[in-house]
Structures are given as C-alpha cells and as structure tokens.
C-alpha cells in the first residue's frame, strides 16, 4: 500500500511542478501524493507561502524547495512495517 504524503504547492510554480514530476518519475507506486494549494487557505499561505513546494507527512516536513531523494527514501524505509 502506498504511503500518503502531502505536497503543498502554488499554481504556476516551476519548482512545485518539478518536484511533483520527480516524485512521479522516481517513486511511482510507492507514494500517493495529495496536492494542496497553499493559496486555498490563509493559514496555509501564512505557513508555506515562502517555502513551496513542501513535501510532508502530517506535520513532518520531509523536504522543501527541491525534492531530496535521500531524505524521502529514508522516510519511506522508516515508514515500512
């Protein structure tokens, strides 16, 4: 069963688009990515506006700005039973 992560993004953000594409290319089937637009709520805009994209599991930030494959792989290895 894939791990469910959240990608906080902004429309027309090339870094956000790049991170999503890299996740799909490198981790297909291992992850289910829920996309959340930081501009959809003021609280999200306040928290993530300056640091998108942000890949997170709950309140745990795995990486931001660019995909960190090593951190994501470590996280996935720790989350497996």
PDB file of N, CA and C in Angstrom:
ATOM      1  N   UNK A   1       0.850  -1.184   0.000  1.00  0.00           N
ATOM      2  CA  UNK A   1       0.000   0.000   0.000  1.00  0.00           C
ATOM      3  C   UNK A   1       0.894   1.246   0.000  1.00  0.00           C
ATOM      4  N   UNK A   2       0.630   2.196  -0.889  1.00  0.00           N
ATOM      5  CA  UNK A   2       1.488   3.385  -0.965  1.00  0.00           C
ATOM      6  C   UNK A   2       1.360   4.284   0.268  1.00  0.00           C
ATOM      7  N   UNK A   3       2.446   4.963   0.562  1.00  0.00           N
ATOM      8  CA  UNK A   3       2.462   5.952   1.640  1.00  0.00           C
ATOM      9  C   UNK A   3       1.803   7.224   1.114  1.00  0.00           C
ATOM     10  N   UNK A   4       0.949   7.827   1.935  1.00  0.00           N
ATOM     11  CA  UNK A   4       0.244   9.045   1.535  1.00  0.00           C
ATOM     12  C   UNK A   4       0.971  10.265   2.083  1.00  0.00           C
ATOM     13  N   UNK A   5       1.438  11.117   1.178  1.00  0.00           N
ATOM     14  CA  UNK A   5       2.136  12.345   1.538  1.00  0.00           C
ATOM     15  C   UNK A   5       1.386  13.538   0.967  1.00  0.00           C
ATOM     16  N   UNK A   6       1.672  14.696   1.498  1.00  0.00           N
ATOM     17  CA  UNK A   6       1.045  15.932   1.027  1.00  0.00           C
ATOM     18  C   UNK A   6       2.102  16.799   0.363  1.00  0.00           C
ATOM     19  N   UNK A   7       1.779  17.302  -0.814  1.00  0.00           N
ATOM     20  CA  UNK A   7       2.638  18.265  -1.498  1.00  0.00           C
ATOM     21  C   UNK A   7       1.936  19.613  -1.470  1.00  0.00           C
ATOM     22  N   UNK A   8       2.482  20.518  -0.685  1.00  0.00           N
ATOM     23  CA  UNK A   8       1.974  21.886  -0.646  1.00  0.00           C
ATOM     24  C   UNK A   8       2.607  22.631  -1.805  1.00  0.00           C
ATOM     25  N   UNK A   9       1.774  23.220  -2.639  1.00  0.00           N
ATOM     26  CA  UNK A   9       2.253  23.837  -3.873  1.00  0.00           C
ATOM     27  C   UNK A   9       1.520  25.155  -4.126  1.00  0.00           C
ATOM     28  N   UNK A  10       1.979  25.821  -5.154  1.00  0.00           N
ATOM     29  CA  UNK A  10       1.320  27.037  -5.640  1.00  0.00           C
ATOM     30  C   UNK A  10       1.187  26.891  -7.155  1.00  0.00           C
ATOM     31  N   UNK A  11       0.056  27.325  -7.692  1.00  0.00           N
ATOM     32  CA  UNK A  11      -0.132  27.309  -9.142  1.00  0.00           C
ATOM     33  C   UNK A  11       0.952  28.124  -9.833  1.00  0.00           C
ATOM     34  N   UNK A  12       1.364  27.636 -11.001  1.00  0.00           N
ATOM     35  CA  UNK A  12       2.372  28.296 -11.832  1.00  0.00           C
ATOM     36  C   UNK A  12       3.734  28.406 -11.145  1.00  0.00           C
ATOM     37  N   UNK A  13       4.037  27.476 -10.272  1.00  0.00           N
ATOM     38  CA  UNK A  13       5.332  27.437  -9.578  1.00  0.00           C
ATOM     39  C   UNK A  13       6.170  26.348 -10.246  1.00  0.00           C
ATOM     40  N   UNK A  14       7.240  26.747 -10.923  1.00  0.00           N
ATOM     41  CA  UNK A  14       8.038  25.759 -11.645  1.00  0.00           C
ATOM     42  C   UNK A  14       8.718  24.766 -10.704  1.00  0.00           C
ATOM     43  N   UNK A  15       9.114  25.207  -9.509  1.00  0.00           N
ATOM     44  CA  UNK A  15       9.714  24.272  -8.546  1.00  0.00           C
ATOM     45  C   UNK A  15       8.694  23.243  -8.064  1.00  0.00           C
ATOM     46  N   UNK A  16       7.460  23.676  -7.890  1.00  0.00           N
ATOM     47  CA  UNK A  16       6.383  22.769  -7.482  1.00  0.00           C
ATOM     48  C   UNK A  16       6.127  21.726  -8.571  1.00  0.00           C
ATOM     49  N   UNK A  17       6.043  22.180  -9.797  1.00  0.00           N
ATOM     50  CA  UNK A  17       5.820  21.278 -10.924  1.00  0.00           C
ATOM     51  C   UNK A  17       6.975  20.294 -11.059  1.00  0.00           C
ATOM     52  N   UNK A  18       8.198  20.782 -10.865  1.00  0.00           N
ATOM     53  CA  UNK A  18       9.375  19.930 -10.971  1.00  0.00           C
ATOM     54  C   UNK A  18       9.380  18.868  -9.871  1.00  0.00           C
ATOM     55  N   UNK A  19       9.069  19.256  -8.624  1.00  0.00           N
ATOM     56  CA  UNK A  19       9.059  18.282  -7.545  1.00  0.00           C
ATOM     57  C   UNK A  19       8.007  17.202  -7.800  1.00  0.00           C
ATOM     58  N   UNK A  20       6.819  17.597  -8.225  1.00  0.00           N
ATOM     59  CA  UNK A  20       5.762  16.631  -8.493  1.00  0.00           C
ATOM     60  C   UNK A  20       6.185  15.662  -9.598  1.00  0.00           C
ATOM     61  N   UNK A  21       6.791  16.177 -10.664  1.00  0.00           N
ATOM     62  CA  UNK A  21       7.245  15.328 -11.772  1.00  0.00           C
ATOM     63  C   UNK A  21       8.327  14.358 -11.308  1.00  0.00           C
ATOM     64  N   UNK A  22       9.250  14.822 -10.470  1.00  0.00           N
ATOM     65  CA  UNK A  22      10.320  13.953  -9.981  1.00  0.00           C
ATOM     66  C   UNK A  22       9.772  12.863  -9.062  1.00  0.00           C
ATOM     67  N   UNK A  23       8.817  13.212  -8.233  1.00  0.00           N
ATOM     68  CA  UNK A  23       8.189  12.207  -7.366  1.00  0.00           C
ATOM     69  C   UNK A  23       7.536  11.131  -8.218  1.00  0.00           C
ATOM     70  N   UNK A  24       6.786  11.542  -9.218  1.00  0.00           N
ATOM     71  CA  UNK A  24       6.107  10.577 -10.090  1.00  0.00           C
ATOM     72  C   UNK A  24       7.096   9.715 -10.857  1.00  0.00           C
ATOM     73  N   UNK A  25       8.210  10.295 -11.290  1.00  0.00           N
ATOM     74  CA  UNK A  25       9.195   9.547 -12.062  1.00  0.00           C
ATOM     75  C   UNK A  25       9.987   8.573 -11.190  1.00  0.00           C
ATOM     76  N   UNK A  26      10.314   8.980  -9.967  1.00  0.00           N
ATOM     77  CA  UNK A  26      11.226   8.195  -9.131  1.00  0.00           C
ATOM     78  C   UNK A  26      10.537   7.295  -8.110  1.00  0.00           C
ATOM     79  N   UNK A  27       9.296   7.605  -7.752  1.00  0.00           N
ATOM     80  CA  UNK A  27       8.637   6.881  -6.668  1.00  0.00           C
ATOM     81  C   UNK A  27       7.255   6.381  -7.058  1.00  0.00           C
ATOM     82  N   UNK A  28       7.031   6.168  -8.330  1.00  0.00           N
ATOM     83  CA  UNK A  28       5.724   5.731  -8.818  1.00  0.00           C
ATOM     84  C   UNK A  28       5.312   4.430  -8.126  1.00  0.00           C
ATOM     85  N   UNK A  29       4.120   4.427  -7.578  1.00  0.00           N
ATOM     86  CA  UNK A  29       3.599   3.254  -6.906  1.00  0.00           C
ATOM     87  C   UNK A  29       3.910   3.205  -5.429  1.00  0.00           C
ATOM     88  N   UNK A  30       5.003   3.858  -4.993  1.00  0.00           N
ATOM     89  CA  UNK A  30       5.379   3.866  -3.580  1.00  0.00           C
ATOM     90  C   UNK A  30       4.635   4.938  -2.800  1.00  0.00           C
ATOM     91  N   UNK A  31       4.182   5.966  -3.514  1.00  0.00           N
ATOM     92  CA  UNK A  31       3.582   7.126  -2.860  1.00  0.00           C
ATOM     93  C   UNK A  31       2.231   7.463  -3.452  1.00  0.00           C
ATOM     94  N   UNK A  32       1.400   8.013  -2.607  1.00  0.00           N
ATOM     95  CA  UNK A  32       0.168   8.669  -3.055  1.00  0.00           C
ATOM     96  C   UNK A  32       0.329  10.109  -2.611  1.00  0.00           C
ATOM     97  N   UNK A  33       0.338  11.026  -3.552  1.00  0.00           N
ATOM     98  CA  UNK A  33       0.587  12.429  -3.257  1.00  0.00           C
ATOM     99  C   UNK A  33      -0.725  13.205  -3.316  1.00  0.00           C
ATOM    100  N   UNK A  34      -1.050  13.841  -2.192  1.00  0.00           N
ATOM    101  CA  UNK A  34      -2.206  14.715  -2.107  1.00  0.00           C
ATOM    102  C   UNK A  34      -1.710  16.131  -2.356  1.00  0.00           C
ATOM    103  N   UNK A  35      -2.273  16.771  -3.363  1.00  0.00           N
ATOM    104  CA  UNK A  35      -1.853  18.129  -3.727  1.00  0.00           C
ATOM    105  C   UNK A  35      -2.711  19.133  -2.970  1.00  0.00           C
ATOM    106  N   UNK A  36      -2.049  20.091  -2.294  1.00  0.00           N
ATOM    107  CA  UNK A  36      -2.758  21.131  -1.553  1.00  0.00           C
ATOM    108  C   UNK A  36      -2.200  22.485  -1.976  1.00  0.00           C
ATOM    109  N   UNK A  37      -3.060  23.315  -2.541  1.00  0.00           N
ATOM    110  CA  UNK A  37      -2.679  24.661  -2.976  1.00  0.00           C
ATOM    111  C   UNK A  37      -2.589  25.567  -1.747  1.00  0.00           C
ATOM    112  N   UNK A  38      -1.412  26.121  -1.484  1.00  0.00           N
ATOM    113  CA  UNK A  38      -1.229  26.955  -0.297  1.00  0.00           C
ATOM    114  C   UNK A  38      -2.059  28.233  -0.355  1.00  0.00           C
ATOM    115  N   UNK A  39      -2.499  28.606  -1.543  1.00  0.00           N
ATOM    116  CA  UNK A  39      -3.306  29.810  -1.669  1.00  0.00           C
ATOM    117  C   UNK A  39      -4.791  29.553  -1.432  1.00  0.00           C
ATOM    118  N   UNK A  40      -5.146  28.296  -1.121  1.00  0.00           N
ATOM    119  CA  UNK A  40      -6.548  27.967  -0.905  1.00  0.00           C
ATOM    120  C   UNK A  40      -7.049  28.361   0.484  1.00  0.00           C
ATOM    121  N   UNK A  41      -6.126  28.550   1.440  1.00  0.00           N
ATOM    122  CA  UNK A  41      -6.499  28.941   2.799  1.00  0.00           C
ATOM    123  C   UNK A  41      -5.453  29.894   3.364  1.00  0.00           C
ATOM    124  N   UNK A  42      -5.896  30.864   4.120  1.00  0.00           N
ATOM    125  CA  UNK A  42      -4.975  31.843   4.703  1.00  0.00           C
ATOM    126  C   UNK A  42      -3.952  31.175   5.617  1.00  0.00           C
ATOM    127  N   UNK A  43      -4.371  30.186   6.403  1.00  0.00           N
ATOM    128  CA  UNK A  43      -3.432  29.532   7.322  1.00  0.00           C
ATOM    129  C   UNK A  43      -2.313  28.810   6.563  1.00  0.00           C
ATOM    130  N   UNK A  44      -2.656  28.204   5.438  1.00  0.00           N
ATOM    131  CA  UNK A  44      -1.634  27.542   4.621  1.00  0.00           C
ATOM    132  C   UNK A  44      -0.720  28.561   3.971  1.00  0.00           C
ATOM    133  N   UNK A  45      -1.291  29.650   3.491  1.00  0.00           N
ATOM    134  CA  UNK A  45      -0.490  30.715   2.888  1.00  0.00           C
ATOM    135  C   UNK A  45       0.484  31.283   3.911  1.00  0.00           C
ATOM    136  N   UNK A  46       0.009  31.486   5.135  1.00  0.00           N
ATOM    137  CA  UNK A  46       0.883  32.010   6.193  1.00  0.00           C
ATOM    138  C   UNK A  46       2.019  31.045   6.506  1.00  0.00           C
ATOM    139  N   UNK A  47       1.710  29.764   6.505  1.00  0.00           N
ATOM    140  CA  UNK A  47       2.714  28.761   6.905  1.00  0.00           C
ATOM    141  C   UNK A  47       3.701  28.414   5.794  1.00  0.00           C
ATOM    142  N   UNK A  48       3.224  28.265   4.551  1.00  0.00           N
ATOM    143  CA  UNK A  48       4.045  27.714   3.477  1.00  0.00           C
ATOM    144  C   UNK A  48       4.363  28.668   2.325  1.00  0.00           C
ATOM    145  N   UNK A  49       3.808  29.852   2.328  1.00  0.00           N
ATOM    146  CA  UNK A  49       3.896  30.732   1.170  1.00  0.00           C
ATOM    147  C   UNK A  49       5.311  30.938   0.654  1.00  0.00           C
ATOM    148  N   UNK A  50       6.254  31.123   1.537  1.00  0.00           N
ATOM    149  CA  UNK A  50       7.626  31.445   1.119  1.00  0.00           C
ATOM    150  C   UNK A  50       8.506  30.224   0.881  1.00  0.00           C
ATOM    151  N   UNK A  51       7.996  29.021   1.162  1.00  0.00           N
ATOM    152  CA  UNK A  51       8.865  27.858   1.072  1.00  0.00           C
ATOM    153  C   UNK A  51       8.345  26.756   0.149  1.00  0.00           C
ATOM    154  N   UNK A  52       7.324  27.029  -0.657  1.00  0.00           N
ATOM    155  CA  UNK A  52       6.810  25.996  -1.554  1.00  0.00           C
ATOM    156  C   UNK A  52       7.858  25.635  -2.592  1.00  0.00           C
ATOM    157  N   UNK A  53       7.835  24.390  -3.039  1.00  0.00           N
ATOM    158  CA  UNK A  53       6.990  23.296  -2.616  1.00  0.00           C
ATOM    159  C   UNK A  53       7.470  22.674  -1.303  1.00  0.00           C
ATOM    160  N   UNK A  54       6.527  22.068  -0.603  1.00  0.00           N
ATOM    161  CA  UNK A  54       6.833  21.370   0.643  1.00  0.00           C
ATOM    162  C   UNK A  54       6.199  19.980   0.561  1.00  0.00           C
ATOM    163  N   UNK A  55       7.019  18.947   0.765  1.00  0.00           N
ATOM    164  CA  UNK A  55       6.525  17.583   0.807  1.00  0.00           C
ATOM    165  C   UNK A  55       6.487  17.167   2.270  1.00  0.00           C
ATOM    166  N   UNK A  56       5.316  16.734   2.726  1.00  0.00           N
ATOM    167  CA  UNK A  56       5.143  16.465   4.151  1.00  0.00           C
ATOM    168  C   UNK A  56       4.315  15.210   4.382  1.00  0.00           C
ATOM    169  N   UNK A  57       4.500  14.670   5.582  1.00  0.00           N
ATOM    170  CA  UNK A  57       3.638  13.622   6.104  1.00  0.00           C
ATOM    171  C   UNK A  57       3.059  14.186   7.385  1.00  0.00           C
ATOM    172  N   UNK A  58       1.773  14.518   7.368  1.00  0.00           N
ATOM    173  CA  UNK A  58       1.188  15.199   8.519  1.00  0.00           C
ATOM    174  C   UNK A  58       1.916  16.517   8.750  1.00  0.00           C
ATOM    175  N   UNK A  59       2.411  16.723   9.956  1.00  0.00           N
ATOM    176  CA  UNK A  59       3.157  17.942  10.271  1.00  0.00           C
ATOM    177  C   UNK A  59       4.658  17.787  10.076  1.00  0.00           C
ATOM    178  N   UNK A  60       5.089  16.615   9.626  1.00  0.00           N
ATOM    179  CA  UNK A  60       6.511  16.362   9.419  1.00  0.00           C
ATOM    180  C   UNK A  60       6.904  16.745   8.008  1.00  0.00           C
ATOM    181  N   UNK A  61       7.759  17.758   7.882  1.00  0.00           N
ATOM    182  CA  UNK A  61       8.262  18.180   6.577  1.00  0.00           C
ATOM    183  C   UNK A  61       9.398  17.248   6.186  1.00  0.00           C
ATOM    184  N   UNK A  62       9.271  16.634   5.024  1.00  0.00           N
ATOM    185  CA  UNK A  62      10.311  15.743   4.519  1.00  0.00           C
ATOM    186  C   UNK A  62      11.331  16.536   3.716  1.00  0.00           C
ATOM    187  N   UNK A  63      10.852  17.413   2.843  1.00  0.00           N
ATOM    188  CA  UNK A  63      11.752  18.290   2.096  1.00  0.00           C
ATOM    189  C   UNK A  63      10.967  19.483   1.570  1.00  0.00           C
ATOM    190  N   UNK A  64      11.709  20.512   1.229  1.00  0.00           N
ATOM    191  CA  UNK A  64      11.080  21.726   0.698  1.00  0.00           C
ATOM    192  C   UNK A  64      11.998  22.343  -0.341  1.00  0.00           C
ATOM    193  N   UNK A  65      11.400  23.077  -1.259  1.00  0.00           N
ATOM    194  CA  UNK A  65      12.175  23.746  -2.306  1.00  0.00           C
ATOM    195  C   UNK A  65      12.495  22.833  -3.468  1.00  0.00           C
ATOM    196  N   UNK A  66      13.190  21.765  -3.181  1.00  0.00           N
ATOM    197  CA  UNK A  66      13.545  20.756  -4.184  1.00  0.00           C
ATOM    198  C   UNK A  66      13.396  19.376  -3.556  1.00  0.00           C
ATOM    199  N   UNK A  67      13.130  18.384  -4.388  1.00  0.00           N
ATOM    200  CA  UNK A  67      12.996  17.026  -3.896  1.00  0.00           C
ATOM    201  C   UNK A  67      14.351  16.524  -3.419  1.00  0.00           C
ATOM    202  N   UNK A  68      14.393  16.045  -2.185  1.00  0.00           N
ATOM    203  CA  UNK A  68      15.590  15.428  -1.622  1.00  0.00           C
ATOM    204  C   UNK A  68      15.347  13.926  -1.624  1.00  0.00           C
ATOM    205  N   UNK A  69      15.837  13.260  -2.671  1.00  0.00           N
ATOM    206  CA  UNK A  69      15.587  11.825  -2.833  1.00  0.00           C
ATOM    207  C   UNK A  69      16.065  11.028  -1.629  1.00  0.00           C
ATOM    208  N   UNK A  70      17.227  11.364  -1.098  1.00  0.00           N
ATOM    209  CA  UNK A  70      17.784  10.612   0.038  1.00  0.00           C
ATOM    210  C   UNK A  70      16.876  10.724   1.263  1.00  0.00           C
ATOM    211  N   UNK A  71      16.415  11.928   1.577  1.00  0.00           N
ATOM    212  CA  UNK A  71      15.516  12.101   2.726  1.00  0.00           C
ATOM    213  C   UNK A  71      14.201  11.366   2.519  1.00  0.00           C
ATOM    214  N   UNK A  72      13.670  11.434   1.301  1.00  0.00           N
ATOM    215  CA  UNK A  72      12.411  10.749   1.022  1.00  0.00           C
ATOM    216  C   UNK A  72      12.601   9.235   1.100  1.00  0.00           C
ATOM    217  N   UNK A  73      13.693   8.716   0.561  1.00  0.00           N
ATOM    218  CA  UNK A  73      13.959   7.279   0.643  1.00  0.00           C
ATOM    219  C   UNK A  73      14.119   6.843   2.107  1.00  0.00           C
ATOM    220  N   UNK A  74      14.831   7.645   2.908  1.00  0.00           N
ATOM    221  CA  UNK A  74      14.979   7.334   4.331  1.00  0.00           C
ATOM    222  C   UNK A  74      13.621   7.307   5.018  1.00  0.00           C
ATOM    223  N   UNK A  75      12.797   8.295   4.726  1.00  0.00           N
ATOM    224  CA  UNK A  75      11.469   8.352   5.318  1.00  0.00           C
ATOM    225  C   UNK A  75      10.647   7.119   4.940  1.00  0.00           C
ATOM    226  N   UNK A  76      10.671   6.759   3.672  1.00  0.00           N
ATOM    227  CA  UNK A  76       9.907   5.597   3.213  1.00  0.00           C
ATOM    228  C   UNK A  76      10.416   4.313   3.867  1.00  0.00           C
ATOM    229  N   UNK A  77      11.713   4.187   4.029  1.00  0.00           N
ATOM    230  CA  UNK A  77      12.283   2.988   4.666  1.00  0.00           C
ATOM    231  C   UNK A  77      11.840   2.904   6.132  1.00  0.00           C
ATOM    232  N   UNK A  78      11.763   4.032   6.809  1.00  0.00           N
ATOM    233  CA  UNK A  78      11.352   4.043   8.215  1.00  0.00           C
ATOM    234  C   UNK A  78       9.861   3.815   8.375  1.00  0.00           C
ATOM    235  N   UNK A  79       9.087   4.156   7.366  1.00  0.00           N
ATOM    236  CA  UNK A  79       7.633   4.027   7.479  1.00  0.00           C
ATOM    237  C   UNK A  79       7.134   2.633   7.121  1.00  0.00           C
ATOM    238  N   UNK A  80       7.999   1.788   6.574  1.00  0.00           N
ATOM    239  CA  UNK A  80       7.594   0.429   6.217  1.00  0.00           C
ATOM    240  C   UNK A  80       7.574  -0.454   7.451  1.00  0.00           C
ATOM    241  N   UNK A  81       6.564  -1.332   7.568  1.00  0.00           N
ATOM    242  CA  UNK A  81       6.479  -2.232   8.731  1.00  0.00           C
ATOM    243  C   UNK A  81       7.560  -3.298   8.705  1.00  0.00           C
TER     244      UNK A  81
END
